[in-house]
Amino acid sequence: MAEHFTSRSDSEVVGVQFQTTQWGLVMPTADQRSKTAQAALEQLCRIYWYPIYAFVRRQGQTVENAQDLTQEFFLRVLQDNYFQVADPQRGRLRSFLLTSLKHFLINEWEKARTAKRGGAQSIFSLDEQDAEGRYLTEPIDGMSPEKVYEKRWAVTLLEQALARLRAEYAKQNNGAMFDALKPFISGETAEGGYGALAQRFEMSEGSLRVAAHRLRERYREALRTEVASTLATPTDIDDELRHLMIVLQS
């Protein structure tokens, strides 16, 4: 997965699927109460809820406090236009969110602790126990909160790229093919190898190898698109990808 990701031009990758980048989700809109703006912000909150939660938890907060603080942080995004000073030119969305979170924790955590858990301000249904279960599987090797956050951010982008790609295959009634070939994306070998899968899908082994190659290419494109959506300009994609691969391997 540490391959050099090249395929379509960066402008094509950005333009095909992300006419509005994730930076756009945190920018003020003409009508913050519009359903479109609300849905877009909810999407951002769902995607990055866990990296934020993992950072707060690694700060030493209890499970309950970490859930409250994470929920409150995203409520600010959804309801209070907390990112009204957001500027894509300042850098990466990854860095901006972390800086904003640190500011929030320093200045607002007492207020967040007094808010009732869930209540009328619930953002959306989240399996908080599942989030804590994921957190408990994190390595306990003394990783800093920042490093945990970056690692979870990187994993989240990989997961988003895979989910987006699987949805594309499923739309073409090729979900089973995607699931079977998925191990080949990261260089693993599917059970039985190409030969067994070729028999299963009634294809020649050569055709199956071509399908696996195309899937890897599409995954590279999907990951580049996902990363591009968190950046101000496409020219930063390769630098960000290299950084994320280093984070994942550390």
C-alpha atoms as a PDB file:
ATOM      1  CA  MET A   1       0.000   0.000   0.000  1.00  0.00           C
ATOM      2  CA  ALA A   2       3.082   2.196   0.082  1.00  0.00           C
ATOM      3  CA  GLU A   3       3.209   2.307  -3.710  1.00  0.00           C
ATOM      4  CA  HIS A   4       3.609   5.591  -5.534  1.00  0.00           C
ATOM      5  CA  PHE A   5       0.084   6.606  -6.438  1.00  0.00           C
ATOM      6  CA  THR A   6      -0.147   7.853  -9.985  1.00  0.00           C
ATOM      7  CA  SER A   7      -2.901   7.617 -12.523  1.00  0.00           C
ATOM      8  CA  ARG A   8      -5.156  10.373 -13.798  1.00  0.00           C
ATOM      9  CA  SER A   9      -3.939  13.941 -13.538  1.00  0.00           C
ATOM     10  CA  ASP A  10      -4.607  15.621 -10.214  1.00  0.00           C
ATOM     11  CA  SER A  11      -7.080  18.039 -11.774  1.00  0.00           C
ATOM     12  CA  GLU A  12      -9.058  15.116 -13.215  1.00  0.00           C
ATOM     13  CA  VAL A  13      -9.056  13.240  -9.913  1.00  0.00           C
ATOM     14  CA  VAL A  14     -10.270  16.264  -8.017  1.00  0.00           C
ATOM     15  CA  GLY A  15     -12.882  17.219 -10.569  1.00  0.00           C
ATOM     16  CA  VAL A  16     -14.517  13.866 -11.228  1.00  0.00           C
ATOM     17  CA  GLN A  17     -15.941  13.106  -7.804  1.00  0.00           C
ATOM     18  CA  PHE A  18     -15.246  16.107  -5.561  1.00  0.00           C
ATOM     19  CA  GLN A  19     -16.661  19.277  -7.040  1.00  0.00           C
ATOM     20  CA  THR A  20     -16.936  20.385  -3.421  1.00  0.00           C
ATOM     21  CA  THR A  21     -14.016  19.271  -1.273  1.00  0.00           C
ATOM     22  CA  GLN A  22     -14.198  18.466   2.398  1.00  0.00           C
ATOM     23  CA  TRP A  23     -12.667  21.892   3.013  1.00  0.00           C
ATOM     24  CA  GLY A  24     -15.915  23.196   1.587  1.00  0.00           C
ATOM     25  CA  LEU A  25     -17.831  21.359   4.290  1.00  0.00           C
ATOM     26  CA  VAL A  26     -16.355  23.494   7.065  1.00  0.00           C
ATOM     27  CA  MET A  27     -16.571  26.820   5.268  1.00  0.00           C
ATOM     28  CA  PRO A  28     -19.449  29.169   6.110  1.00  0.00           C
ATOM     29  CA  THR A  29     -22.365  28.824   3.738  1.00  0.00           C
ATOM     30  CA  ALA A  30     -24.972  31.350   2.683  1.00  0.00           C
ATOM     31  CA  ASP A  31     -27.535  29.547   4.820  1.00  0.00           C
ATOM     32  CA  GLN A  32     -26.081  27.473   7.663  1.00  0.00           C
ATOM     33  CA  ARG A  33     -29.531  26.036   8.312  1.00  0.00           C
ATOM     34  CA  SER A  34     -29.991  24.681   4.800  1.00  0.00           C
ATOM     35  CA  LYS A  35     -30.507  20.950   4.510  1.00  0.00           C
ATOM     36  CA  THR A  36     -27.624  20.696   2.053  1.00  0.00           C
ATOM     37  CA  ALA A  37     -25.159  22.398   4.405  1.00  0.00           C
ATOM     38  CA  GLN A  38     -26.369  20.340   7.357  1.00  0.00           C
ATOM     39  CA  ALA A  39     -26.076  17.068   5.467  1.00  0.00           C
ATOM     40  CA  ALA A  40     -22.570  17.946   4.251  1.00  0.00           C
ATOM     41  CA  LEU A  41     -21.376  18.801   7.746  1.00  0.00           C
ATOM     42  CA  GLU A  42     -22.938  15.657   9.172  1.00  0.00           C
ATOM     43  CA  GLN A  43     -20.996  13.671   6.587  1.00  0.00           C
ATOM     44  CA  LEU A  44     -17.746  15.288   7.703  1.00  0.00           C
ATOM     45  CA  CYS A  45     -18.556  14.592  11.347  1.00  0.00           C
ATOM     46  CA  ARG A  46     -19.283  10.940  10.625  1.00  0.00           C
ATOM     47  CA  ILE A  47     -16.037  10.495   8.721  1.00  0.00           C
ATOM     48  CA  TYR A  48     -13.741  12.064  11.306  1.00  0.00           C
ATOM     49  CA  TRP A  49     -15.564  11.338  14.561  1.00  0.00           C
ATOM     50  CA  TYR A  50     -13.225   8.525  15.519  1.00  0.00           C
ATOM     51  CA  PRO A  51      -9.858  10.267  14.892  1.00  0.00           C
ATOM     52  CA  ILE A  52     -11.086  13.167  17.035  1.00  0.00           C
ATOM     53  CA  TYR A  53     -12.349  10.783  19.725  1.00  0.00           C
ATOM     54  CA  ALA A  54      -9.048   8.870  19.747  1.00  0.00           C
ATOM     55  CA  PHE A  55      -7.096  12.112  20.246  1.00  0.00           C
ATOM     56  CA  VAL A  56      -9.306  13.246  23.124  1.00  0.00           C
ATOM     57  CA  ARG A  57      -9.202   9.823  24.740  1.00  0.00           C
ATOM     58  CA  ARG A  58      -5.392   9.670  24.520  1.00  0.00           C
ATOM     59  CA  GLN A  59      -5.293  13.017  26.309  1.00  0.00           C
ATOM     60  CA  GLY A  60      -6.308  11.102  29.418  1.00  0.00           C
ATOM     61  CA  GLN A  61     -10.041  11.790  29.347  1.00  0.00           C
ATOM     62  CA  THR A  62     -12.433   9.130  30.612  1.00  0.00           C
ATOM     63  CA  VAL A  63     -14.639   7.295  28.138  1.00  0.00           C
ATOM     64  CA  GLU A  64     -17.662   9.400  29.103  1.00  0.00           C
ATOM     65  CA  ASN A  65     -15.803  12.719  28.943  1.00  0.00           C
ATOM     66  CA  ALA A  66     -14.195  11.833  25.618  1.00  0.00           C
ATOM     67  CA  GLN A  67     -17.606  11.018  24.150  1.00  0.00           C
ATOM     68  CA  ASP A  68     -19.062  14.255  25.495  1.00  0.00           C
ATOM     69  CA  LEU A  69     -16.179  16.383  24.252  1.00  0.00           C
ATOM     70  CA  THR A  70     -16.149  14.818  20.801  1.00  0.00           C
ATOM     71  CA  GLN A  71     -19.895  15.226  20.484  1.00  0.00           C
ATOM     72  CA  GLU A  72     -19.717  18.833  21.647  1.00  0.00           C
ATOM     73  CA  PHE A  73     -16.851  19.650  19.290  1.00  0.00           C
ATOM     74  CA  PHE A  74     -18.845  18.511  16.279  1.00  0.00           C
ATOM     75  CA  LEU A  75     -21.978  20.232  17.561  1.00  0.00           C
ATOM     76  CA  ARG A  76     -19.996  23.450  17.247  1.00  0.00           C
ATOM     77  CA  VAL A  77     -19.313  22.563  13.628  1.00  0.00           C
ATOM     78  CA  LEU A  78     -22.956  21.771  12.949  1.00  0.00           C
ATOM     79  CA  GLN A  79     -24.764  24.429  14.932  1.00  0.00           C
ATOM     80  CA  ASP A  80     -22.500  27.314  15.879  1.00  0.00           C
ATOM     81  CA  ASN A  81     -20.476  27.880  12.721  1.00  0.00           C
ATOM     82  CA  TYR A  82     -17.406  27.126  14.837  1.00  0.00           C
ATOM     83  CA  PHE A  83     -15.161  27.143  11.760  1.00  0.00           C
ATOM     84  CA  GLN A  84     -16.221  30.557  10.502  1.00  0.00           C
ATOM     85  CA  VAL A  85     -12.559  31.541  10.224  1.00  0.00           C
ATOM     86  CA  ALA A  86     -11.651  28.415   8.243  1.00  0.00           C
ATOM     87  CA  ASP A  87      -9.378  29.131   5.315  1.00  0.00           C
ATOM     88  CA  PRO A  88      -8.249  26.322   2.983  1.00  0.00           C
ATOM     89  CA  GLN A  89      -5.106  28.296   2.159  1.00  0.00           C
ATOM     90  CA  ARG A  90      -3.895  27.813   5.721  1.00  0.00           C
ATOM     91  CA  GLY A  91      -3.065  24.203   4.970  1.00  0.00           C
ATOM     92  CA  ARG A  92      -4.477  20.747   5.303  1.00  0.00           C
ATOM     93  CA  LEU A  93      -7.906  20.009   6.735  1.00  0.00           C
ATOM     94  CA  ARG A  94      -6.211  17.366   8.902  1.00  0.00           C
ATOM     95  CA  SER A  95      -4.056  20.016  10.589  1.00  0.00           C
ATOM     96  CA  PHE A  96      -6.814  22.609  10.797  1.00  0.00           C
ATOM     97  CA  LEU A  97      -9.211  20.253  12.549  1.00  0.00           C
ATOM     98  CA  LEU A  98      -6.562  19.230  15.075  1.00  0.00           C
ATOM     99  CA  THR A  99      -5.608  22.833  15.837  1.00  0.00           C
ATOM    100  CA  SER A 100      -9.287  23.741  16.225  1.00  0.00           C
ATOM    101  CA  LEU A 101      -9.840  20.768  18.515  1.00  0.00           C
ATOM    102  CA  LYS A 102      -6.913  21.739  20.745  1.00  0.00           C
ATOM    103  CA  HIS A 103      -8.282  25.269  21.001  1.00  0.00           C
ATOM    104  CA  PHE A 104     -11.704  23.885  21.859  1.00  0.00           C
ATOM    105  CA  LEU A 105     -10.335  21.559  24.550  1.00  0.00           C
ATOM    106  CA  ILE A 106      -8.376  24.343  26.217  1.00  0.00           C
ATOM    107  CA  ASN A 107     -11.166  26.902  26.239  1.00  0.00           C
ATOM    108  CA  GLU A 108     -14.431  25.002  26.234  1.00  0.00           C
ATOM    109  CA  TRP A 109     -14.065  21.617  27.887  1.00  0.00           C
ATOM    110  CA  GLU A 110     -15.653  22.683  31.170  1.00  0.00           C
ATOM    111  CA  LYS A 111     -18.792  23.743  29.303  1.00  0.00           C
ATOM    112  CA  ALA A 112     -18.801  20.496  27.366  1.00  0.00           C
ATOM    113  CA  ARG A 113     -18.579  18.433  30.549  1.00  0.00           C
ATOM    114  CA  THR A 114     -21.696  20.079  31.937  1.00  0.00           C
ATOM    115  CA  ALA A 115     -23.768  19.279  28.825  1.00  0.00           C
ATOM    116  CA  LYS A 116     -26.060  16.309  29.201  1.00  0.00           C
ATOM    117  CA  ARG A 117     -24.887  13.306  27.254  1.00  0.00           C
ATOM    118  CA  GLY A 118     -26.998  12.689  24.143  1.00  0.00           C
ATOM    119  CA  GLY A 119     -30.095  14.710  24.917  1.00  0.00           C
ATOM    120  CA  ALA A 120     -31.769  17.011  22.421  1.00  0.00           C
ATOM    121  CA  GLN A 121     -28.436  17.987  20.901  1.00  0.00           C
ATOM    122  CA  SER A 122     -27.448  14.557  19.657  1.00  0.00           C
ATOM    123  CA  ILE A 123     -25.737  14.916  16.282  1.00  0.00           C
ATOM    124  CA  PHE A 124     -26.700  11.510  14.981  1.00  0.00           C
ATOM    125  CA  SER A 125     -26.770   7.945  16.166  1.00  0.00           C
ATOM    126  CA  LEU A 126     -23.272   6.660  16.908  1.00  0.00           C
ATOM    127  CA  ASP A 127     -22.210   3.418  18.482  1.00  0.00           C
ATOM    128  CA  GLU A 128     -20.021   4.982  21.152  1.00  0.00           C
ATOM    129  CA  GLN A 129     -19.163   1.610  22.647  1.00  0.00           C
ATOM    130  CA  ASP A 130     -17.828   0.537  19.268  1.00  0.00           C
ATOM    131  CA  ALA A 131     -15.636   3.651  19.200  1.00  0.00           C
ATOM    132  CA  GLU A 132     -14.238   2.788  22.608  1.00  0.00           C
ATOM    133  CA  GLY A 133     -13.746  -0.801  21.497  1.00  0.00           C
ATOM    134  CA  ARG A 134     -11.674   0.453  18.577  1.00  0.00           C
ATOM    135  CA  TYR A 135      -9.709   2.708  20.882  1.00  0.00           C
ATOM    136  CA  LEU A 136      -8.861  -0.183  23.206  1.00  0.00           C
ATOM    137  CA  THR A 137      -7.194  -1.967  20.284  1.00  0.00           C
ATOM    138  CA  GLU A 138      -4.828   0.957  19.708  1.00  0.00           C
ATOM    139  CA  PRO A 139      -1.175   0.156  20.474  1.00  0.00           C
ATOM    140  CA  ILE A 140      -0.137   1.101  23.995  1.00  0.00           C
ATOM    141  CA  ASP A 141       3.430   1.954  23.093  1.00  0.00           C
ATOM    142  CA  GLY A 142       3.316   5.519  24.342  1.00  0.00           C
ATOM    143  CA  MET A 143       2.092   7.074  21.090  1.00  0.00           C
ATOM    144  CA  SER A 144       1.274  10.737  21.588  1.00  0.00           C
ATOM    145  CA  PRO A 145      -2.314  11.966  21.096  1.00  0.00           C
ATOM    146  CA  GLU A 146      -1.139  13.706  17.909  1.00  0.00           C
ATOM    147  CA  LYS A 147       0.328  10.491  16.500  1.00  0.00           C
ATOM    148  CA  VAL A 148      -2.818   8.511  17.357  1.00  0.00           C
ATOM    149  CA  TYR A 149      -4.915  11.175  15.642  1.00  0.00           C
ATOM    150  CA  GLU A 150      -2.785  11.149  12.483  1.00  0.00           C
ATOM    151  CA  LYS A 151      -2.769   7.360  12.294  1.00  0.00           C
ATOM    152  CA  ARG A 152      -6.548   7.163  12.696  1.00  0.00           C
ATOM    153  CA  TRP A 153      -6.926   9.947  10.119  1.00  0.00           C
ATOM    154  CA  ALA A 154      -4.833   7.973   7.627  1.00  0.00           C
ATOM    155  CA  VAL A 155      -6.764   4.754   8.271  1.00  0.00           C
ATOM    156  CA  THR A 156     -10.039   6.647   7.892  1.00  0.00           C
ATOM    157  CA  LEU A 157      -9.006   7.904   4.460  1.00  0.00           C
ATOM    158  CA  LEU A 158      -8.081   4.363   3.387  1.00  0.00           C
ATOM    159  CA  GLU A 159     -11.450   3.104   4.622  1.00  0.00           C
ATOM    160  CA  GLN A 160     -13.298   5.895   2.828  1.00  0.00           C
ATOM    161  CA  ALA A 161     -11.506   5.114  -0.430  1.00  0.00           C
ATOM    162  CA  LEU A 162     -12.362   1.413  -0.120  1.00  0.00           C
ATOM    163  CA  ALA A 163     -15.991   2.147   0.743  1.00  0.00           C
ATOM    164  CA  ARG A 164     -16.332   4.521  -2.193  1.00  0.00           C
ATOM    165  CA  LEU A 165     -14.773   1.978  -4.545  1.00  0.00           C
ATOM    166  CA  ARG A 166     -16.934  -0.874  -3.323  1.00  0.00           C
ATOM    167  CA  ALA A 167     -20.035   1.257  -3.834  1.00  0.00           C
ATOM    168  CA  GLU A 168     -18.972   1.810  -7.440  1.00  0.00           C
ATOM    169  CA  TYR A 169     -18.546  -1.918  -8.015  1.00  0.00           C
ATOM    170  CA  ALA A 170     -21.815  -2.745  -6.251  1.00  0.00           C
ATOM    171  CA  LYS A 171     -23.643  -0.241  -8.443  1.00  0.00           C
ATOM    172  CA  GLN A 172     -22.470  -2.283 -11.426  1.00  0.00           C
ATOM    173  CA  ASN A 173     -23.487  -5.550  -9.702  1.00  0.00           C
ATOM    174  CA  ASN A 174     -19.833  -6.411  -9.143  1.00  0.00           C
ATOM    175  CA  GLY A 175     -19.792  -6.280  -5.347  1.00  0.00           C
ATOM    176  CA  ALA A 176     -18.864  -9.955  -5.057  1.00  0.00           C
ATOM    177  CA  MET A 177     -15.958  -9.464  -7.442  1.00  0.00           C
ATOM    178  CA  PHE A 178     -14.712  -6.499  -5.399  1.00  0.00           C
ATOM    179  CA  ASP A 179     -14.865  -8.489  -2.153  1.00  0.00           C
ATOM    180  CA  ALA A 180     -12.974 -11.381  -3.721  1.00  0.00           C
ATOM    181  CA  LEU A 181     -10.243  -9.204  -5.226  1.00  0.00           C
ATOM    182  CA  LYS A 182      -9.925  -6.787  -2.309  1.00  0.00           C
ATOM    183  CA  PRO A 183      -6.940  -8.633  -0.722  1.00  0.00           C
ATOM    184  CA  PHE A 184      -4.919  -8.036  -3.899  1.00  0.00           C
ATOM    185  CA  ILE A 185      -5.145  -4.256  -3.386  1.00  0.00           C
ATOM    186  CA  SER A 186      -2.610  -4.395  -0.583  1.00  0.00           C
ATOM    187  CA  GLY A 187      -0.505  -7.138  -2.108  1.00  0.00           C
ATOM    188  CA  GLU A 188      -2.066  -9.985  -0.126  1.00  0.00           C
ATOM    189  CA  THR A 189      -3.172 -13.227  -1.746  1.00  0.00           C
ATOM    190  CA  ALA A 190      -6.825 -14.195  -1.742  1.00  0.00           C
ATOM    191  CA  GLU A 191      -7.693 -17.683  -0.533  1.00  0.00           C
ATOM    192  CA  GLY A 192      -6.955 -20.114  -3.333  1.00  0.00           C
ATOM    193  CA  GLY A 193      -5.111 -17.489  -5.363  1.00  0.00           C
ATOM    194  CA  TYR A 194      -6.024 -16.406  -8.878  1.00  0.00           C
ATOM    195  CA  GLY A 195      -6.750 -19.922 -10.065  1.00  0.00           C
ATOM    196  CA  ALA A 196      -9.499 -20.650  -7.546  1.00  0.00           C
ATOM    197  CA  LEU A 197     -11.095 -17.243  -8.029  1.00  0.00           C
ATOM    198  CA  ALA A 198     -11.013 -17.613 -11.798  1.00  0.00           C
ATOM    199  CA  GLN A 199     -12.984 -20.858 -11.502  1.00  0.00           C
ATOM    200  CA  ARG A 200     -15.422 -19.290  -9.068  1.00  0.00           C
ATOM    201  CA  PHE A 201     -16.221 -16.413 -11.428  1.00  0.00           C
ATOM    202  CA  GLU A 202     -15.957 -18.562 -14.567  1.00  0.00           C
ATOM    203  CA  MET A 203     -13.155 -16.447 -15.989  1.00  0.00           C
ATOM    204  CA  SER A 204      -9.723 -17.222 -17.321  1.00  0.00           C
ATOM    205  CA  GLU A 205      -6.902 -16.647 -14.861  1.00  0.00           C
ATOM    206  CA  GLY A 206      -5.488 -14.003 -17.209  1.00  0.00           C
ATOM    207  CA  SER A 207      -8.774 -12.087 -17.217  1.00  0.00           C
ATOM    208  CA  LEU A 208      -8.933 -12.228 -13.440  1.00  0.00           C
ATOM    209  CA  ARG A 209      -5.414 -10.847 -13.146  1.00  0.00           C
ATOM    210  CA  VAL A 210      -6.422  -7.977 -15.414  1.00  0.00           C
ATOM    211  CA  ALA A 211      -9.484  -7.323 -13.204  1.00  0.00           C
ATOM    212  CA  ALA A 212      -7.250  -7.263 -10.108  1.00  0.00           C
ATOM    213  CA  HIS A 213      -4.857  -4.847 -11.802  1.00  0.00           C
ATOM    214  CA  ARG A 214      -7.735  -2.539 -12.724  1.00  0.00           C
ATOM    215  CA  LEU A 215      -9.024  -2.672  -9.171  1.00  0.00           C
ATOM    216  CA  ARG A 216      -5.629  -1.602  -7.840  1.00  0.00           C
ATOM    217  CA  GLU A 217      -5.559   1.265 -10.323  1.00  0.00           C
ATOM    218  CA  ARG A 218      -9.051   2.365  -9.330  1.00  0.00           C
ATOM    219  CA  TYR A 219      -8.098   2.169  -5.666  1.00  0.00           C
ATOM    220  CA  ARG A 220      -5.116   4.451  -6.253  1.00  0.00           C
ATOM    221  CA  GLU A 221      -7.426   6.919  -7.956  1.00  0.00           C
ATOM    222  CA  ALA A 222     -10.015   6.674  -5.174  1.00  0.00           C
ATOM    223  CA  LEU A 223      -7.382   7.244  -2.486  1.00  0.00           C
ATOM    224  CA  ARG A 224      -5.888  10.207  -4.321  1.00  0.00           C
ATOM    225  CA  THR A 225      -9.378  11.675  -4.672  1.00  0.00           C
ATOM    226  CA  GLU A 226     -10.091  11.136  -0.988  1.00  0.00           C
ATOM    227  CA  VAL A 227      -6.826  12.809   0.021  1.00  0.00           C
ATOM    228  CA  ALA A 228      -7.332  15.630  -2.470  1.00  0.00           C
ATOM    229  CA  SER A 229     -10.667  16.465  -0.858  1.00  0.00           C
ATOM    230  CA  THR A 230      -8.853  17.410   2.364  1.00  0.00           C
ATOM    231  CA  LEU A 231      -6.344  19.734   0.687  1.00  0.00           C
ATOM    232  CA  ALA A 232      -6.432  23.286  -0.587  1.00  0.00           C
ATOM    233  CA  THR A 233      -4.672  22.507  -3.871  1.00  0.00           C
ATOM    234  CA  PRO A 234      -4.088  19.298  -5.870  1.00  0.00           C
ATOM    235  CA  THR A 235      -0.346  19.958  -5.947  1.00  0.00           C
ATOM    236  CA  ASP A 236      -0.118  18.842  -2.315  1.00  0.00           C
ATOM    237  CA  ILE A 237      -1.525  15.352  -2.958  1.00  0.00           C
ATOM    238  CA  ASP A 238       1.789  13.529  -3.320  1.00  0.00           C
ATOM    239  CA  ASP A 239       3.297  15.164  -0.222  1.00  0.00           C
ATOM    240  CA  GLU A 240       0.212  14.310   1.816  1.00  0.00           C
ATOM    241  CA  LEU A 241       0.163  10.724   0.563  1.00  0.00           C
ATOM    242  CA  ARG A 242       3.820  10.263   1.457  1.00  0.00           C
ATOM    243  CA  HIS A 243       3.154  11.658   4.913  1.00  0.00           C
ATOM    244  CA  LEU A 244       0.186   9.361   5.474  1.00  0.00           C
ATOM    245  CA  MET A 245       2.103   6.283   4.321  1.00  0.00           C
ATOM    246  CA  ILE A 246       4.915   7.144   6.748  1.00  0.00           C
ATOM    247  CA  VAL A 247       2.356   7.568   9.532  1.00  0.00           C
ATOM    248  CA  LEU A 248       0.787   4.184   8.752  1.00  0.00           C
ATOM    249  CA  GLN A 249       4.135   2.394   8.717  1.00  0.00           C
ATOM    250  CA  SER A 250       5.457   3.973  11.906  1.00  0.00           C
END
